[in-house]
């Protein structure tokens, strides 16, 4: 897969401040949410999907969200004009497991534990990068955590492999913890 040069994860926090100023959501965005939104699309160059995950070589990367309006607006602004190789991004809000078809990334931000588990079950074994926002409960392939007032992330390599995804060692090196393949 062709990858975009430059603009790695290190720039995510700096870009987050810009994103906050560009977004015009109903509620004020937090810097934490802006950083998470930026990470969500910055992960893509470090993930390798099987060809079957996309209908064509130029199909966009579908970022599906179970999140509030503020977060959706942040992510929409963050991905505007961005590409990974020939692929742009499309942001789509989802409300339940039946709506996740066609997603390459599923972010579960605001959900009770039962809904989060059902969403993760709906894409288990499919080429979907699952990202959750939970210190406890259901966790995806990547899980956001806050450590020392900084947004960080954990990665479950086994869960990625079960979904047919490979994660770059560069991204793995930035995680606060990596759960290996079983």
Protein backbone atom coordinates (compact mmCIF):
# COMPACT_ATOMS: atom_id res chain seq x y z
CA UNK A 1 0.00 0.00 0.00
CA UNK A 2 1.37 3.44 -0.85
CA UNK A 3 1.99 5.55 2.19
CA UNK A 4 1.96 9.30 2.65
CA UNK A 5 5.33 10.74 3.52
CA UNK A 6 5.95 12.77 6.65
CA UNK A 7 3.44 14.01 9.19
CA UNK A 8 3.85 11.10 11.65
CA UNK A 9 2.18 10.62 14.99
CA UNK A 10 4.59 13.04 16.65
CA UNK A 11 2.77 15.94 14.99
CA UNK A 12 -0.63 14.77 16.24
CA UNK A 13 -0.62 16.79 19.45
CA UNK A 14 0.41 20.00 17.66
CA UNK A 15 -2.23 19.50 15.02
CA UNK A 16 -4.85 18.88 17.67
CA UNK A 17 -4.73 22.52 18.80
CA UNK A 18 -5.35 23.65 15.22
CA UNK A 19 -8.22 21.20 14.85
CA UNK A 20 -9.87 22.51 18.00
CA UNK A 21 -9.82 26.02 16.55
CA UNK A 22 -11.25 24.85 13.19
CA UNK A 23 -14.09 22.76 14.56
CA UNK A 24 -17.42 24.39 15.22
CA UNK A 25 -19.35 21.76 17.20
CA UNK A 26 -22.33 22.39 19.43
CA UNK A 27 -20.26 21.79 22.58
CA UNK A 28 -16.71 22.99 23.08
CA UNK A 29 -14.15 20.37 22.14
CA UNK A 30 -11.49 19.30 24.56
CA UNK A 31 -7.84 19.03 23.65
CA UNK A 32 -8.08 15.34 24.61
CA UNK A 33 -10.81 14.77 22.01
CA UNK A 34 -8.84 16.69 19.38
CA UNK A 35 -5.76 14.54 20.00
CA UNK A 36 -7.84 11.35 19.75
CA UNK A 37 -9.46 12.52 16.50
CA UNK A 38 -6.04 13.28 15.04
CA UNK A 39 -4.64 9.92 16.12
CA UNK A 40 -7.58 8.13 14.49
CA UNK A 41 -6.59 9.13 11.00
CA UNK A 42 -2.84 9.22 11.68
CA UNK A 43 -2.92 5.47 12.54
CA UNK A 44 -3.84 4.47 8.97
CA UNK A 45 -0.40 4.65 7.30
CA UNK A 46 0.81 2.18 9.94
CA UNK A 47 -1.91 -0.42 9.34
CA UNK A 48 -1.86 -2.96 6.55
CA UNK A 49 -5.28 -4.17 5.43
CA UNK A 50 -5.92 -7.13 3.14
CA UNK A 51 -7.01 -6.12 -0.38
CA UNK A 52 -10.48 -7.48 0.39
CA UNK A 53 -11.05 -4.64 2.87
CA UNK A 54 -11.63 -2.18 0.00
CA UNK A 55 -13.81 -2.40 -3.09
CA UNK A 56 -11.14 -0.72 -5.26
CA UNK A 57 -7.54 0.55 -4.99
CA UNK A 58 -8.80 4.11 -4.57
CA UNK A 59 -11.76 3.48 -2.26
CA UNK A 60 -11.74 5.83 0.74
CA UNK A 61 -10.95 4.68 4.24
CA UNK A 62 -14.28 4.61 6.09
CA UNK A 63 -13.92 5.94 9.63
CA UNK A 64 -17.04 4.82 11.48
CA UNK A 65 -17.85 6.41 14.81
CA UNK A 66 -19.99 5.63 17.77
CA UNK A 67 -19.32 9.08 19.24
CA UNK A 68 -20.98 12.38 20.03
CA UNK A 69 -21.49 15.29 17.60
CA UNK A 70 -18.49 17.20 18.92
CA UNK A 71 -16.09 14.33 18.25
CA UNK A 72 -17.59 13.66 14.82
CA UNK A 73 -17.08 17.32 13.86
CA UNK A 74 -13.48 17.24 15.07
CA UNK A 75 -12.70 14.15 13.02
CA UNK A 76 -14.48 15.49 9.94
CA UNK A 77 -12.35 18.63 10.08
CA UNK A 78 -9.18 16.67 10.78
CA UNK A 79 -9.49 14.43 7.70
CA UNK A 80 -10.58 17.12 5.25
CA UNK A 81 -8.13 16.93 2.34
CA UNK A 82 -6.03 14.16 3.93
CA UNK A 83 -4.99 11.01 2.02
CA UNK A 84 -3.03 7.82 2.59
CA UNK A 85 -1.68 7.02 -0.85
CA UNK A 86 -4.64 7.19 -3.24
CA UNK A 87 -7.22 6.85 -0.45
CA UNK A 88 -9.07 9.73 1.12
CA UNK A 89 -11.21 9.46 4.24
CA UNK A 90 -14.93 9.34 4.83
CA UNK A 91 -16.41 9.82 8.29
CA UNK A 92 -19.65 8.03 9.10
CA UNK A 93 -21.57 7.92 12.38
CA UNK A 94 -23.00 4.54 13.33
CA UNK A 95 -25.59 3.75 15.96
CA UNK A 96 -25.32 0.00 16.37
CA UNK A 97 -23.83 -3.29 15.15
CA UNK A 98 -26.04 -3.47 12.05
CA UNK A 99 -24.52 -0.25 10.65
CA UNK A 100 -20.82 -1.22 10.63
CA UNK A 101 -20.66 -2.81 7.17
CA UNK A 102 -18.01 -1.22 4.97
CA UNK A 103 -16.00 0.29 7.85
CA UNK A 104 -12.22 0.02 7.84
CA UNK A 105 -11.94 1.79 11.20
CA UNK A 106 -14.52 1.57 13.98
CA UNK A 107 -14.11 4.04 16.84
CA UNK A 108 -16.22 3.40 19.92
CA UNK A 109 -16.13 6.50 22.08
CA UNK A 110 -19.40 6.94 23.92
CA UNK A 111 -21.07 3.64 24.64
CA UNK A 112 -22.12 1.52 27.55
CA UNK A 113 -20.15 -1.71 28.00
CA UNK A 114 -22.88 -3.88 26.45
CA UNK A 115 -23.15 -1.74 23.29
CA UNK A 116 -19.36 -1.54 22.96
CA UNK A 117 -19.06 -5.34 23.23
CA UNK A 118 -21.81 -5.84 20.62
CA UNK A 119 -20.08 -3.43 18.22
CA UNK A 120 -16.74 -5.22 18.63
CA UNK A 121 -18.43 -8.62 18.13
CA UNK A 122 -20.04 -7.36 14.91
CA UNK A 123 -16.65 -6.79 13.26
CA UNK A 124 -14.62 -9.57 14.90
CA UNK A 125 -12.79 -11.50 12.18
CA UNK A 126 -13.38 -8.73 9.61
CA UNK A 127 -10.63 -6.42 8.32
CA UNK A 128 -11.63 -3.57 10.63
CA UNK A 129 -9.33 -1.62 12.95
CA UNK A 130 -11.26 -1.22 16.19
CA UNK A 131 -10.35 1.70 18.44
CA UNK A 132 -11.92 2.16 21.85
CA UNK A 133 -11.84 4.83 24.50
CA UNK A 134 -12.03 2.91 27.72
CA UNK A 135 -9.85 2.35 30.74
CA UNK A 136 -11.94 -0.73 31.51
CA UNK A 137 -14.51 -2.89 29.81
CA UNK A 138 -14.55 -3.82 26.14
CA UNK A 139 -11.33 -2.96 24.33
CA UNK A 140 -10.52 -2.84 20.64
CA UNK A 141 -7.30 -3.46 18.76
CA UNK A 142 -6.20 0.00 19.83
CA UNK A 143 -7.40 1.45 23.10
CA UNK A 144 -6.91 5.09 24.12
CA UNK A 145 -5.70 5.69 27.67
CA UNK A 146 -4.69 8.86 29.49
CA UNK A 147 -1.32 8.70 31.26
CA UNK A 148 0.17 11.72 33.02
CA UNK A 149 -2.39 14.00 31.33
CA UNK A 150 -1.37 12.75 27.84
CA UNK A 151 -3.45 10.69 25.44
CA UNK A 152 -1.62 7.44 24.74
CA UNK A 153 -2.72 4.08 23.40
CA UNK A 154 -2.44 0.35 23.95
CA UNK A 155 -2.35 -2.16 21.08
CA UNK A 156 -3.54 -5.78 20.97
CA UNK A 157 -1.51 -7.44 18.19
CA UNK A 158 -3.43 -10.72 18.54
CA UNK A 159 -6.77 -8.98 17.98
CA UNK A 160 -5.31 -7.23 14.92
CA UNK A 161 -4.13 -10.54 13.48
CA UNK A 162 -7.55 -12.12 14.08
CA UNK A 163 -9.05 -9.28 12.00
CA UNK A 164 -6.48 -9.83 9.24
CA UNK A 165 -4.55 -6.62 9.97
CA UNK A 166 -0.83 -6.08 10.40
CA UNK A 167 0.49 -3.19 12.50
CA UNK A 168 3.79 -1.50 11.76
CA UNK A 169 6.57 -1.86 14.31
CA UNK A 170 6.82 1.96 14.23
CA UNK A 171 3.31 2.28 15.66
CA UNK A 172 3.89 -0.56 18.11
CA UNK A 173 6.94 1.27 19.45
CA UNK A 174 4.78 4.28 20.38
CA UNK A 175 2.21 2.29 22.38
CA UNK A 176 2.28 2.34 26.19
CA UNK A 177 1.63 -1.40 26.10
CA UNK A 178 1.47 -4.07 23.43
CA UNK A 179 -0.45 -7.29 23.97
CA UNK A 180 1.30 -9.90 21.79
CA UNK A 181 -0.28 -12.64 19.71
CA UNK A 182 -1.40 -15.55 21.86
